[in-house]
Protein backbone atom coordinates (compact mmCIF):
# COMPACT_ATOMS: atom_id res chain seq x y z
CA MET A 1 0.00 0.00 0.00
CA LEU A 2 2.82 2.42 0.81
CA ALA A 3 4.41 1.76 -2.57
CA ALA A 4 1.07 2.44 -4.32
CA ALA A 5 0.92 5.77 -2.47
CA GLY A 6 4.52 6.62 -3.42
CA ILE A 7 5.70 6.42 0.19
CA GLU A 8 9.06 4.79 0.78
CA ALA A 9 9.19 2.49 3.82
CA THR A 10 12.01 2.93 6.31
CA GLY A 11 13.72 -0.03 7.95
CA LYS A 12 14.55 -0.40 11.63
CA GLN A 13 18.25 0.35 11.18
CA GLU A 14 17.58 3.56 9.26
CA GLN A 15 15.05 4.69 11.89
CA GLU A 16 17.54 4.02 14.68
CA ALA A 17 20.28 5.89 12.81
CA VAL A 18 18.08 8.97 12.42
CA ARG A 19 16.52 8.90 15.89
CA GLY A 20 19.64 8.01 17.81
CA ASP A 21 18.85 8.07 21.51
CA ARG A 22 16.29 10.89 21.25
CA ILE A 23 13.36 8.46 21.50
CA ARG A 24 13.62 5.88 24.24
CA PHE A 25 11.06 3.71 25.95
CA ASP A 26 12.91 3.22 29.21
CA PRO A 27 10.79 3.88 32.30
CA PHE A 28 11.89 7.08 33.97
CA ASP A 29 10.68 6.20 37.46
CA GLY A 30 11.58 2.51 37.56
CA THR A 31 8.08 1.24 36.72
CA GLU A 32 7.32 -0.97 33.77
CA ARG A 33 6.03 0.81 30.67
CA GLY A 34 2.29 0.23 30.37
CA GLY A 35 1.86 0.62 26.64
CA GLY A 36 1.62 3.15 23.87
CA SER A 37 -0.73 6.10 23.63
CA SER A 38 -3.69 3.99 22.44
CA TRP A 39 -3.26 1.64 25.40
CA GLN A 40 -3.07 4.65 27.69
CA SER A 41 -6.24 6.18 26.20
CA LEU A 42 -8.16 2.98 26.91
CA SER A 43 -6.64 2.64 30.37
CA ARG A 44 -7.70 6.19 31.27
CA GLY A 45 -11.23 5.53 29.95
CA THR A 46 -11.41 8.85 28.11
CA GLY A 47 -13.92 7.56 25.54
CA THR A 48 -11.64 8.54 22.68
CA ILE A 49 -8.67 6.99 20.91
CA GLU A 50 -6.47 8.08 18.02
CA ALA A 51 -7.16 5.01 15.83
CA ASP A 52 -8.93 7.14 13.21
CA TYR A 53 -5.70 9.09 12.79
CA LEU A 54 -3.35 6.11 12.92
CA ASN A 55 -5.09 3.12 11.33
CA GLY A 56 -7.58 5.39 9.59
CA GLU A 57 -4.82 7.10 7.65
CA ILE A 58 -3.70 3.73 6.28
CA VAL A 59 -7.31 2.90 5.38
CA LEU A 60 -7.69 6.24 3.61
CA LEU A 61 -4.46 5.81 1.65
CA GLY A 62 -5.57 2.33 0.66
CA ARG A 63 -8.90 3.63 -0.63
CA LEU A 64 -7.24 6.46 -2.53
CA HIS A 65 -4.85 4.04 -4.24
CA GLY A 66 -7.13 1.02 -4.70
CA VAL A 67 -5.40 -1.17 -2.11
CA PRO A 68 -7.58 -3.03 0.39
CA THR A 69 -6.59 -2.53 4.03
CA PRO A 70 -9.01 -4.81 5.90
CA VAL A 71 -6.79 -5.41 8.92
CA ASN A 72 -6.26 -1.70 9.60
CA ASP A 73 -9.98 -1.07 9.13
CA ALA A 74 -10.83 -3.84 11.61
CA LEU A 75 -8.28 -2.47 14.10
CA ARG A 76 -9.65 1.06 13.72
CA ARG A 77 -13.26 0.02 14.24
CA THR A 78 -12.39 -2.23 17.19
CA ALA A 79 -10.33 0.47 18.90
CA ASP A 80 -13.12 3.02 18.42
CA LEU A 81 -15.66 0.58 19.88
CA PHE A 82 -13.41 -0.13 22.88
CA ALA A 83 -13.00 3.60 23.51
CA ARG A 84 -16.73 4.37 23.22
CA GLU A 85 -17.64 1.48 25.52
CA ARG A 86 -14.73 2.29 27.84
CA ARG A 87 -13.49 -1.26 27.62
CA ALA A 88 -10.18 -1.95 29.29
CA ALA A 89 -6.97 -2.15 27.31
CA GLY A 90 -6.04 -5.80 26.88
CA SER A 91 -9.61 -7.07 27.43
CA MET A 92 -9.63 -8.77 24.02
CA THR A 93 -7.25 -11.62 23.40
CA VAL A 94 -4.84 -11.62 20.47
CA ALA A 95 -6.74 -14.63 19.10
CA GLU A 96 -10.06 -12.73 19.22
CA LEU A 97 -8.57 -9.68 17.50
CA THR A 98 -6.89 -11.88 14.89
CA ALA A 99 -10.22 -13.57 14.18
CA LEU A 100 -11.86 -10.16 13.63
CA ALA A 101 -9.10 -9.08 11.27
CA ASP A 102 -9.22 -12.42 9.42
CA ALA A 103 -13.00 -12.12 9.01
CA GLU A 104 -12.59 -8.61 7.61
CA ALA A 105 -9.92 -9.78 5.16
CA ALA A 106 -11.94 -12.79 3.93
CA PRO A 107 -13.40 -12.36 0.44
């Protein structure tokens, strides 16, 4: 999908070379990191999540360039549902989420 949109993908080594040590995920107070911003949004129970901006952007690019993005669409819809219903982060198993994504991707 990125290639269809004319966006060049960047590998892990290139990202690390550019970022250096400016972005780190080490806990600053000795506690274990709880998760990314989406996890934190669900944990705080705000009722909102940035999935429309993250996964939704991939879905939009796919639509604009004729590339199906069923997994990102399933992730976006599921995250939005979890936020609206104030469901806890981690309350769906990986197997359940995979089944949703697989069902979305099925012809």
